[in-house]
PDB file of N, CA and C in Angstrom:
ATOM      1  N   MET A   1      48.321  67.021   1.750  1.00  0.00           N
ATOM      2  CA  MET A   1      48.524  66.073   0.814  1.00  0.00           C
ATOM      3  C   MET A   1      47.987  64.710   0.995  1.00  0.00           C
ATOM      4  N   ARG A   2      47.625  63.850   0.032  1.00  0.00           N
ATOM      5  CA  ARG A   2      46.702  62.624   0.058  1.00  0.00           C
ATOM      6  C   ARG A   2      47.920  61.793  -1.137  1.00  0.00           C
ATOM      7  N   ILE A   3      48.174  60.539  -0.323  1.00  0.00           N
ATOM      8  CA  ILE A   3      48.961  59.637  -1.514  1.00  0.00           C
ATOM      9  C   ILE A   3      48.161  58.386  -1.343  1.00  0.00           C
ATOM     10  N   SER A   4      47.885  57.744  -2.617  1.00  0.00           N
ATOM     11  CA  SER A   4      47.315  56.508  -2.949  1.00  0.00           C
ATOM     12  C   SER A   4      48.236  55.587  -3.580  1.00  0.00           C
ATOM     13  N   PHE A   5      48.185  54.282  -3.049  1.00  0.00           N
ATOM     14  CA  PHE A   5      49.087  53.637  -3.211  1.00  0.00           C
ATOM     15  C   PHE A   5      48.233  52.116  -3.997  1.00  0.00           C
ATOM     16  N   SER A   6      48.743  51.523  -4.627  1.00  0.00           N
ATOM     17  CA  SER A   6      48.214  49.814  -5.142  1.00  0.00           C
ATOM     18  C   SER A   6      49.700  49.437  -5.596  1.00  0.00           C
ATOM     19  N   GLU A   7      49.648  48.028  -5.488  1.00  0.00           N
ATOM     20  CA  GLU A   7      50.434  47.222  -6.303  1.00  0.00           C
ATOM     21  C   GLU A   7      49.852  46.031  -6.926  1.00  0.00           C
ATOM     22  N   SER A   8      50.253  45.877  -8.294  1.00  0.00           N
ATOM     23  CA  SER A   8      49.471  44.846  -9.166  1.00  0.00           C
ATOM     24  C   SER A   8      50.359  44.007  -9.865  1.00  0.00           C
ATOM     25  N   GLY A   9      49.852  43.132 -10.651  1.00  0.00           N
ATOM     26  CA  GLY A   9      50.778  41.891 -11.287  1.00  0.00           C
ATOM     27  C   GLY A   9      51.417  41.170 -10.569  1.00  0.00           C
ATOM     28  N   GLY A  10      52.457  40.669 -11.095  1.00  0.00           N
ATOM     29  CA  GLY A  10      53.377  39.474 -10.662  1.00  0.00           C
ATOM     30  C   GLY A  10      52.502  38.315 -10.454  1.00  0.00           C
ATOM     31  N   VAL A  11      53.684  37.181 -10.103  1.00  0.00           N
ATOM     32  CA  VAL A  11      53.137  35.702  -9.769  1.00  0.00           C
ATOM     33  C   VAL A  11      51.843  35.593  -8.971  1.00  0.00           C
ATOM     34  N   ALA A  12      52.076  36.447  -7.479  1.00  0.00           N
ATOM     35  CA  ALA A  12      51.108  36.016  -6.256  1.00  0.00           C
ATOM     36  C   ALA A  12      49.962  37.468  -6.660  1.00  0.00           C
ATOM     37  N   TYR A  13      49.478  37.921  -7.663  1.00  0.00           N
ATOM     38  CA  TYR A  13      48.668  38.915  -7.756  1.00  0.00           C
ATOM     39  C   TYR A  13      47.008  38.124  -7.633  1.00  0.00           C
ATOM     40  N   PHE A  14      46.191  38.746  -6.738  1.00  0.00           N
ATOM     41  CA  PHE A  14      44.937  38.515  -6.815  1.00  0.00           C
ATOM     42  C   PHE A  14      44.407  39.769  -7.059  1.00  0.00           C
ATOM     43  N   PRO A  15      43.475  40.034  -8.142  1.00  0.00           N
ATOM     44  CA  PRO A  15      42.819  41.371  -7.992  1.00  0.00           C
ATOM     45  C   PRO A  15      41.815  41.723  -7.261  1.00  0.00           C
ATOM     46  N   GLY A  16      41.242  40.945  -6.997  1.00  0.00           N
ATOM     47  CA  GLY A  16      39.958  41.074  -5.907  1.00  0.00           C
ATOM     48  C   GLY A  16      40.494  41.567  -4.694  1.00  0.00           C
ATOM     49  N   LEU A  17      41.986  41.203  -4.166  1.00  0.00           N
ATOM     50  CA  LEU A  17      42.620  41.517  -2.893  1.00  0.00           C
ATOM     51  C   LEU A  17      43.083  42.269  -2.693  1.00  0.00           C
ATOM     52  N   ASN A  18      43.652  43.347  -4.018  1.00  0.00           N
ATOM     53  CA  ASN A  18      44.256  44.341  -4.238  1.00  0.00           C
ATOM     54  C   ASN A  18      43.565  45.600  -4.387  1.00  0.00           C
ATOM     55  N   LYS A  19      43.280  46.427  -3.333  1.00  0.00           N
ATOM     56  CA  LYS A  19      42.862  47.613  -2.986  1.00  0.00           C
ATOM     57  C   LYS A  19      43.456  48.488  -2.949  1.00  0.00           C
ATOM     58  N   PRO A  20      43.444  49.846  -3.489  1.00  0.00           N
ATOM     59  CA  PRO A  20      44.281  51.062  -3.179  1.00  0.00           C
ATOM     60  C   PRO A  20      44.386  51.224  -1.711  1.00  0.00           C
ATOM     61  N   ASN A  21      45.443  51.565  -1.173  1.00  0.00           N
ATOM     62  CA  ASN A  21      45.656  52.344   0.246  1.00  0.00           C
ATOM     63  C   ASN A  21      45.855  53.629   0.110  1.00  0.00           C
ATOM     64  N   THR A  22      45.421  54.500   1.012  1.00  0.00           N
ATOM     65  CA  THR A  22      45.591  56.000   0.999  1.00  0.00           C
ATOM     66  C   THR A  22      45.897  56.223   2.426  1.00  0.00           C
ATOM     67  N   ILE A  23      47.148  57.368   2.088  1.00  0.00           N
ATOM     68  CA  ILE A  23      47.579  58.138   3.432  1.00  0.00           C
ATOM     69  C   ILE A  23      47.392  59.596   3.403  1.00  0.00           C
ATOM     70  N   GLU A  24      46.684  59.892   4.659  1.00  0.00           N
ATOM     71  CA  GLU A  24      46.660  61.480   4.743  1.00  0.00           C
ATOM     72  C   GLU A  24      47.522  62.121   5.572  1.00  0.00           C
ATOM     73  N   VAL A  25      48.562  62.777   4.518  1.00  0.00           N
ATOM     74  CA  VAL A  25      50.098  63.022   5.150  1.00  0.00           C
ATOM     75  C   VAL A  25      49.656  63.818   6.134  1.00  0.00           C
ATOM     76  N   ASP A  26      48.781  64.725   5.951  1.00  0.00           N
ATOM     77  CA  ASP A  26      48.535  65.927   7.028  1.00  0.00           C
ATOM     78  C   ASP A  26      47.862  65.412   8.298  1.00  0.00           C
ATOM     79  N   ALA A  27      47.559  64.063   8.444  1.00  0.00           N
ATOM     80  CA  ALA A  27      47.273  63.547   9.773  1.00  0.00           C
ATOM     81  C   ALA A  27      48.343  62.705  10.334  1.00  0.00           C
ATOM     82  N   LEU A  28      49.670  62.469   9.779  1.00  0.00           N
ATOM     83  CA  LEU A  28      50.714  61.819   9.980  1.00  0.00           C
ATOM     84  C   LEU A  28      51.740  62.857  11.140  1.00  0.00           C
ATOM     85  N   PRO A  29      52.099  62.479  11.802  1.00  0.00           N
ATOM     86  CA  PRO A  29      52.932  62.988  12.834  1.00  0.00           C
ATOM     87  C   PRO A  29      53.861  64.069  12.179  1.00  0.00           C
ATOM     88  N   GLU A  30      54.288  65.083  12.311  1.00  0.00           N
ATOM     89  CA  GLU A  30      55.289  66.313  11.459  1.00  0.00           C
ATOM     90  C   GLU A  30      56.202  65.647  10.996  1.00  0.00           C
ATOM     91  N   CYS A  31      57.217  64.447  11.613  1.00  0.00           N
ATOM     92  CA  CYS A  31      58.600  64.203  11.228  1.00  0.00           C
ATOM     93  C   CYS A  31      58.084  63.108   9.969  1.00  0.00           C
ATOM     94  N   ASP A  32      57.060  62.753   9.995  1.00  0.00           N
ATOM     95  CA  ASP A  32      56.708  61.759   8.962  1.00  0.00           C
ATOM     96  C   ASP A  32      55.983  62.551   7.410  1.00  0.00           C
ATOM     97  N   GLN A  33      55.349  63.898   7.887  1.00  0.00           N
ATOM     98  CA  GLN A  33      54.930  64.561   7.184  1.00  0.00           C
ATOM     99  C   GLN A  33      56.161  64.965   6.207  1.00  0.00           C
ATOM    100  N   GLN A  34      57.174  65.642   6.985  1.00  0.00           N
ATOM    101  CA  GLN A  34      58.393  66.002   6.161  1.00  0.00           C
ATOM    102  C   GLN A  34      58.992  65.181   5.716  1.00  0.00           C
ATOM    103  N   GLU A  35      59.233  63.824   5.996  1.00  0.00           N
ATOM    104  CA  GLU A  35      60.015  62.504   5.084  1.00  0.00           C
ATOM    105  C   GLU A  35      59.101  62.573   3.931  1.00  0.00           C
ATOM    106  N   LEU A  36      57.824  62.387   4.019  1.00  0.00           N
ATOM    107  CA  LEU A  36      57.319  62.419   2.699  1.00  0.00           C
ATOM    108  C   LEU A  36      57.202  63.524   1.980  1.00  0.00           C
ATOM    109  N   ARG A  37      56.923  64.370   2.193  1.00  0.00           N
ATOM    110  CA  ARG A  37      57.336  65.749   1.439  1.00  0.00           C
ATOM    111  C   ARG A  37      58.526  65.934   0.493  1.00  0.00           C
ATOM    112  N   GLN A  38      59.606  65.782   1.454  1.00  0.00           N
ATOM    113  CA  GLN A  38      60.869  65.538   0.872  1.00  0.00           C
ATOM    114  C   GLN A  38      61.261  64.613  -0.024  1.00  0.00           C
ATOM    115  N   LEU A  39      60.630  63.500  -0.214  1.00  0.00           N
ATOM    116  CA  LEU A  39      60.931  62.125  -0.879  1.00  0.00           C
ATOM    117  C   LEU A  39      59.894  62.544  -2.171  1.00  0.00           C
ATOM    118  N   VAL A  40      58.977  63.056  -2.021  1.00  0.00           N
ATOM    119  CA  VAL A  40      57.949  63.718  -3.253  1.00  0.00           C
ATOM    120  C   VAL A  40      58.942  64.570  -3.916  1.00  0.00           C
ATOM    121  N   ALA A  41      59.359  65.608  -3.242  1.00  0.00           N
ATOM    122  CA  ALA A  41      60.298  66.695  -4.287  1.00  0.00           C
ATOM    123  C   ALA A  41      61.502  66.005  -4.557  1.00  0.00           C
ATOM    124  N   ALA A  42      62.146  65.050  -3.842  1.00  0.00           N
ATOM    125  CA  ALA A  42      63.490  64.577  -4.557  1.00  0.00           C
ATOM    126  C   ALA A  42      63.411  63.586  -5.701  1.00  0.00           C
ATOM    127  N   SER A  43      62.229  62.911  -5.693  1.00  0.00           N
ATOM    128  CA  SER A  43      61.636  62.096  -6.746  1.00  0.00           C
ATOM    129  C   SER A  43      61.479  63.091  -7.931  1.00  0.00           C
ATOM    130  N   GLU A  44      60.912  64.144  -7.861  1.00  0.00           N
ATOM    131  CA  GLU A  44      60.346  64.962  -8.953  1.00  0.00           C
ATOM    132  C   GLU A  44      59.120  64.326  -9.384  1.00  0.00           C
ATOM    133  N   PHE A  45      58.124  64.040  -8.467  1.00  0.00           N
ATOM    134  CA  PHE A  45      56.972  63.293  -8.579  1.00  0.00           C
ATOM    135  C   PHE A  45      56.178  63.754  -9.785  1.00  0.00           C
ATOM    136  N   PHE A  46      55.822  65.248  -9.637  1.00  0.00           N
ATOM    137  CA  PHE A  46      54.953  65.740 -10.482  1.00  0.00           C
ATOM    138  C   PHE A  46      55.172  65.995 -11.874  1.00  0.00           C
ATOM    139  N   ALA A  47      56.812  65.807 -11.983  1.00  0.00           N
ATOM    140  CA  ALA A  47      57.120  65.863 -13.468  1.00  0.00           C
ATOM    141  C   ALA A  47      57.182  64.329 -13.963  1.00  0.00           C
ATOM    142  N   LEU A  48      57.152  63.276 -13.133  1.00  0.00           N
ATOM    143  CA  LEU A  48      56.963  62.114 -13.955  1.00  0.00           C
ATOM    144  C   LEU A  48      56.031  62.110 -14.944  1.00  0.00           C
ATOM    145  N   PRO A  49      56.233  61.287 -15.937  1.00  0.00           N
ATOM    146  CA  PRO A  49      55.353  60.927 -17.058  1.00  0.00           C
ATOM    147  C   PRO A  49      53.820  59.849 -16.250  1.00  0.00           C
ATOM    148  N   GLU A  50      52.826  60.618 -16.462  1.00  0.00           N
ATOM    149  CA  GLU A  50      51.552  60.273 -15.968  1.00  0.00           C
ATOM    150  C   GLU A  50      51.042  59.152 -16.761  1.00  0.00           C
ATOM    151  N   GLY A  51      50.473  58.095 -15.919  1.00  0.00           N
ATOM    152  CA  GLY A  51      50.129  56.919 -16.543  1.00  0.00           C
ATOM    153  C   GLY A  51      49.235  55.943 -15.369  1.00  0.00           C
ATOM    154  N   ARG A  52      48.400  55.343 -15.659  1.00  0.00           N
ATOM    155  CA  ARG A  52      47.744  54.513 -15.066  1.00  0.00           C
ATOM    156  C   ARG A  52      47.873  53.069 -15.239  1.00  0.00           C
ATOM    157  N   ARG A  53      48.453  52.550 -16.334  1.00  0.00           N
ATOM    158  CA  ARG A  53      48.578  51.368 -16.792  1.00  0.00           C
ATOM    159  C   ARG A  53      49.872  50.971 -17.192  1.00  0.00           C
ATOM    160  N   PRO A  54      50.291  49.844 -16.828  1.00  0.00           N
ATOM    161  CA  PRO A  54      51.769  49.519 -17.289  1.00  0.00           C
ATOM    162  C   PRO A  54      51.855  49.413 -18.918  1.00  0.00           C
ATOM    163  N   ALA A  55      53.185  49.696 -19.243  1.00  0.00           N
ATOM    164  CA  ALA A  55      53.408  49.745 -20.668  1.00  0.00           C
ATOM    165  C   ALA A  55      52.880  48.236 -21.096  1.00  0.00           C
ATOM    166  N   ARG A  56      52.247  48.213 -22.195  1.00  0.00           N
ATOM    167  CA  ARG A  56      51.982  46.747 -22.883  1.00  0.00           C
ATOM    168  C   ARG A  56      52.924  45.609 -22.672  1.00  0.00           C
ATOM    169  N   SER A  57      54.280  46.169 -23.040  1.00  0.00           N
ATOM    170  CA  SER A  57      55.208  45.089 -22.770  1.00  0.00           C
ATOM    171  C   SER A  57      55.460  44.923 -21.260  1.00  0.00           C
ATOM    172  N   LEU A  58      55.111  45.631 -20.178  1.00  0.00           N
ATOM    173  CA  LEU A  58      55.238  44.986 -18.699  1.00  0.00           C
ATOM    174  C   LEU A  58      54.007  44.621 -18.348  1.00  0.00           C
ATOM    175  N   ARG A  59      52.841  44.112 -18.772  1.00  0.00           N
ATOM    176  CA  ARG A  59      51.443  43.833 -18.457  1.00  0.00           C
ATOM    177  C   ARG A  59      52.183  42.442 -17.906  1.00  0.00           C
ATOM    178  N   GLY A  60      51.405  42.203 -16.494  1.00  0.00           N
ATOM    179  CA  GLY A  60      51.815  40.720 -15.994  1.00  0.00           C
ATOM    180  C   GLY A  60      52.508  40.725 -15.254  1.00  0.00           C
ATOM    181  N   MET A  61      53.534  41.648 -15.280  1.00  0.00           N
ATOM    182  CA  MET A  61      54.743  41.919 -14.361  1.00  0.00           C
ATOM    183  C   MET A  61      54.300  42.844 -13.141  1.00  0.00           C
ATOM    184  N   GLN A  62      54.903  42.805 -12.040  1.00  0.00           N
ATOM    185  CA  GLN A  62      54.803  43.484 -10.983  1.00  0.00           C
ATOM    186  C   GLN A  62      55.256  45.074 -10.970  1.00  0.00           C
ATOM    187  N   HIS A  63      53.814  46.010 -10.866  1.00  0.00           N
ATOM    188  CA  HIS A  63      53.899  47.202 -10.692  1.00  0.00           C
ATOM    189  C   HIS A  63      53.213  48.172  -9.723  1.00  0.00           C
ATOM    190  N   TYR A  64      53.430  49.022  -9.698  1.00  0.00           N
ATOM    191  CA  TYR A  64      52.810  50.020  -8.628  1.00  0.00           C
ATOM    192  C   TYR A  64      52.161  51.526  -9.028  1.00  0.00           C
ATOM    193  N   THR A  65      51.282  51.591  -8.818  1.00  0.00           N
ATOM    194  CA  THR A  65      50.254  52.999  -9.108  1.00  0.00           C
ATOM    195  C   THR A  65      50.101  53.692  -7.812  1.00  0.00           C
ATOM    196  N   LEU A  66      50.678  54.941  -7.934  1.00  0.00           N
ATOM    197  CA  LEU A  66      50.764  55.949  -6.855  1.00  0.00           C
ATOM    198  C   LEU A  66      50.151  57.316  -7.327  1.00  0.00           C
ATOM    199  N   THR A  67      49.229  57.567  -6.740  1.00  0.00           N
ATOM    200  CA  THR A  67      48.655  59.044  -7.040  1.00  0.00           C
ATOM    201  C   THR A  67      49.021  59.774  -5.817  1.00  0.00           C
ATOM    202  N   ILE A  68      49.541  61.067  -6.185  1.00  0.00           N
ATOM    203  CA  ILE A  68      49.694  62.083  -5.180  1.00  0.00           C
ATOM    204  C   ILE A  68      48.627  63.064  -5.497  1.00  0.00           C
ATOM    205  N   SER A  69      48.268  63.624  -4.675  1.00  0.00           N
ATOM    206  CA  SER A  69      47.320  64.907  -4.623  1.00  0.00           C
ATOM    207  C   SER A  69      47.637  65.800  -3.646  1.00  0.00           C
ATOM    208  N   GLU A  70      48.305  67.173  -4.116  1.00  0.00           N
ATOM    209  CA  GLU A  70      48.473  68.275  -3.381  1.00  0.00           C
ATOM    210  C   GLU A  70      47.738  69.838  -3.885  1.00  0.00           C
ATOM    211  N   GLY A  71      47.152  70.410  -2.971  1.00  0.00           N
ATOM    212  CA  GLY A  71      46.575  71.616  -3.636  1.00  0.00           C
ATOM    213  C   GLY A  71      45.644  71.304  -4.734  1.00  0.00           C
ATOM    214  N   ASP A  72      46.246  72.034  -5.844  1.00  0.00           N
ATOM    215  CA  ASP A  72      45.425  71.916  -6.912  1.00  0.00           C
ATOM    216  C   ASP A  72      46.245  70.807  -7.829  1.00  0.00           C
ATOM    217  N   ARG A  73      47.298  70.115  -7.847  1.00  0.00           N
ATOM    218  CA  ARG A  73      48.029  69.253  -8.184  1.00  0.00           C
ATOM    219  C   ARG A  73      47.737  67.927  -8.032  1.00  0.00           C
ATOM    220  N   GLU A  74      47.742  66.982  -8.965  1.00  0.00           N
ATOM    221  CA  GLU A  74      47.620  65.615  -8.785  1.00  0.00           C
ATOM    222  C   GLU A  74      48.178  64.800  -9.735  1.00  0.00           C
ATOM    223  N   ARG A  75      48.802  63.760  -9.586  1.00  0.00           N
ATOM    224  CA  ARG A  75      49.368  63.081 -10.751  1.00  0.00           C
ATOM    225  C   ARG A  75      49.493  61.660 -10.142  1.00  0.00           C
ATOM    226  N   THR A  76      49.419  60.668 -11.288  1.00  0.00           N
ATOM    227  CA  THR A  76      49.315  59.377 -11.351  1.00  0.00           C
ATOM    228  C   THR A  76      50.346  58.624 -11.868  1.00  0.00           C
ATOM    229  N   VAL A  77      51.099  57.629 -11.505  1.00  0.00           N
ATOM    230  CA  VAL A  77      52.215  57.049 -12.280  1.00  0.00           C
ATOM    231  C   VAL A  77      52.417  55.820 -12.156  1.00  0.00           C
ATOM    232  N   CYS A  78      52.313  54.706 -13.044  1.00  0.00           N
ATOM    233  CA  CYS A  78      52.546  53.399 -12.945  1.00  0.00           C
ATOM    234  C   CYS A  78      54.152  53.008 -12.821  1.00  0.00           C
ATOM    235  N   VAL A  79      54.716  52.435 -12.079  1.00  0.00           N
ATOM    236  CA  VAL A  79      55.934  52.478 -12.080  1.00  0.00           C
ATOM    237  C   VAL A  79      56.063  51.007 -12.078  1.00  0.00           C
ATOM    238  N   PRO A  80      57.245  50.357 -12.841  1.00  0.00           N
ATOM    239  CA  PRO A  80      57.350  48.726 -12.893  1.00  0.00           C
ATOM    240  C   PRO A  80      58.365  48.685 -11.876  1.00  0.00           C
ATOM    241  N   ALA A  81      58.302  47.141 -11.041  1.00  0.00           N
ATOM    242  CA  ALA A  81      59.286  46.712  -9.961  1.00  0.00           C
ATOM    243  C   ALA A  81      59.945  45.928 -10.873  1.00  0.00           C
ATOM    244  N   PRO A  82      61.396  46.088 -10.534  1.00  0.00           N
ATOM    245  CA  PRO A  82      62.014  46.788  -9.103  1.00  0.00           C
ATOM    246  C   PRO A  82      62.264  48.339  -9.925  1.00  0.00           C
ATOM    247  N   ILE A  83      61.908  49.049  -9.086  1.00  0.00           N
ATOM    248  CA  ILE A  83      62.037  50.706  -9.269  1.00  0.00           C
ATOM    249  C   ILE A  83      63.519  51.053  -9.258  1.00  0.00           C
ATOM    250  N   GLU A  84      64.094  51.343 -10.330  1.00  0.00           N
ATOM    251  CA  GLU A  84      65.432  51.797 -10.656  1.00  0.00           C
ATOM    252  C   GLU A  84      65.894  53.214 -10.190  1.00  0.00           C
ATOM    253  N   SER A  85      65.003  54.015 -10.282  1.00  0.00           N
ATOM    254  CA  SER A  85      65.270  55.430  -9.620  1.00  0.00           C
ATOM    255  C   SER A  85      65.401  55.602  -8.056  1.00  0.00           C
ATOM    256  N   GLY A  86      66.629  55.717  -7.710  1.00  0.00           N
ATOM    257  CA  GLY A  86      66.972  55.889  -6.130  1.00  0.00           C
ATOM    258  C   GLY A  86      65.621  56.587  -5.524  1.00  0.00           C
ATOM    259  N   PRO A  87      65.182  58.184  -5.927  1.00  0.00           N
ATOM    260  CA  PRO A  87      64.787  58.741  -5.330  1.00  0.00           C
ATOM    261  C   PRO A  87      63.007  58.401  -5.163  1.00  0.00           C
ATOM    262  N   LEU A  88      62.804  57.694  -6.513  1.00  0.00           N
ATOM    263  CA  LEU A  88      61.389  57.237  -6.445  1.00  0.00           C
ATOM    264  C   LEU A  88      61.721  56.232  -5.296  1.00  0.00           C
ATOM    265  N   GLN A  89      62.536  55.209  -5.501  1.00  0.00           N
ATOM    266  CA  GLN A  89      62.512  54.134  -4.710  1.00  0.00           C
ATOM    267  C   GLN A  89      62.412  54.356  -3.249  1.00  0.00           C
ATOM    268  N   GLY A  90      62.900  55.521  -2.586  1.00  0.00           N
ATOM    269  CA  GLY A  90      62.927  55.952  -1.538  1.00  0.00           C
ATOM    270  C   GLY A  90      61.552  56.348  -1.353  1.00  0.00           C
ATOM    271  N   LEU A  91      60.795  57.160  -1.884  1.00  0.00           N
ATOM    272  CA  LEU A  91      59.255  57.194  -1.716  1.00  0.00           C
ATOM    273  C   LEU A  91      58.568  56.295  -1.638  1.00  0.00           C
ATOM    274  N   MET A  92      58.720  55.093  -2.689  1.00  0.00           N
ATOM    275  CA  MET A  92      57.958  54.016  -2.649  1.00  0.00           C
ATOM    276  C   MET A  92      58.002  53.411  -1.208  1.00  0.00           C
ATOM    277  N   GLN A  93      59.381  53.151  -0.604  1.00  0.00           N
ATOM    278  CA  GLN A  93      59.597  52.468   0.356  1.00  0.00           C
ATOM    279  C   GLN A  93      58.705  52.893   1.617  1.00  0.00           C
ATOM    280  N   CYS A  94      59.031  54.570   1.586  1.00  0.00           N
ATOM    281  CA  CYS A  94      58.388  55.138   2.750  1.00  0.00           C
ATOM    282  C   CYS A  94      56.564  54.702   2.716  1.00  0.00           C
ATOM    283  N   VAL A  95      55.900  55.184   1.682  1.00  0.00           N
ATOM    284  CA  VAL A  95      55.070  54.930   1.320  1.00  0.00           C
ATOM    285  C   VAL A  95      54.403  53.405   1.652  1.00  0.00           C
ATOM    286  N   LYS A  96      55.234  52.333   1.329  1.00  0.00           N
ATOM    287  CA  LYS A  96      54.733  51.123   1.636  1.00  0.00           C
ATOM    288  C   LYS A  96      54.714  50.774   3.213  1.00  0.00           C
ATOM    289  N   ARG A  97      55.829  51.576   3.636  1.00  0.00           N
ATOM    290  CA  ARG A  97      56.052  51.442   5.352  1.00  0.00           C
ATOM    291  C   ARG A  97      54.874  52.114   5.877  1.00  0.00           C
ATOM    292  N   HIS A  98      54.236  53.082   5.529  1.00  0.00           N
ATOM    293  CA  HIS A  98      53.233  54.016   6.014  1.00  0.00           C
ATOM    294  C   HIS A  98      51.702  53.047   5.920  1.00  0.00           C
ATOM    295  N   VAL A  99      51.727  52.469   4.497  1.00  0.00           N
ATOM    296  CA  VAL A  99      50.612  51.777   4.279  1.00  0.00           C
ATOM    297  C   VAL A  99      50.502  50.250   5.179  1.00  0.00           C
ATOM    298  N   ALA A 100      51.884  49.838   5.425  1.00  0.00           N
ATOM    299  CA  ALA A 100      51.721  48.582   6.422  1.00  0.00           C
ATOM    300  C   ALA A 100      51.797  48.924   7.634  1.00  0.00           C
ATOM    301  N   GLY A 101      51.979  49.996   8.175  1.00  0.00           N
ATOM    302  CA  GLY A 101      51.864  50.183   9.569  1.00  0.00           C
ATOM    303  C   GLY A 101      50.637  50.968  10.247  1.00  0.00           C
TER     304      GLY A 101
END
């Protein structure tokens, strides 16, 4: 499984400084792999509406773009901040933790 994450928009957004970060889940320790896989399943990520850009009404606001590839499945979603879905929020927090660490 591969997870790509980027953050865009908001007051302190600088387009040239914001590059997507990628996590190779299979390269992580087993407990981290399990946590991420459980969070992907709990958030029903592959059933979320696909989109690479925020809705027109949300442009300029902070949002996250998350792409997850697993086997023959791949989905990209664009999520406005703050994230209102508990399971999706948990997934994003975990991804951010791995990207930062």
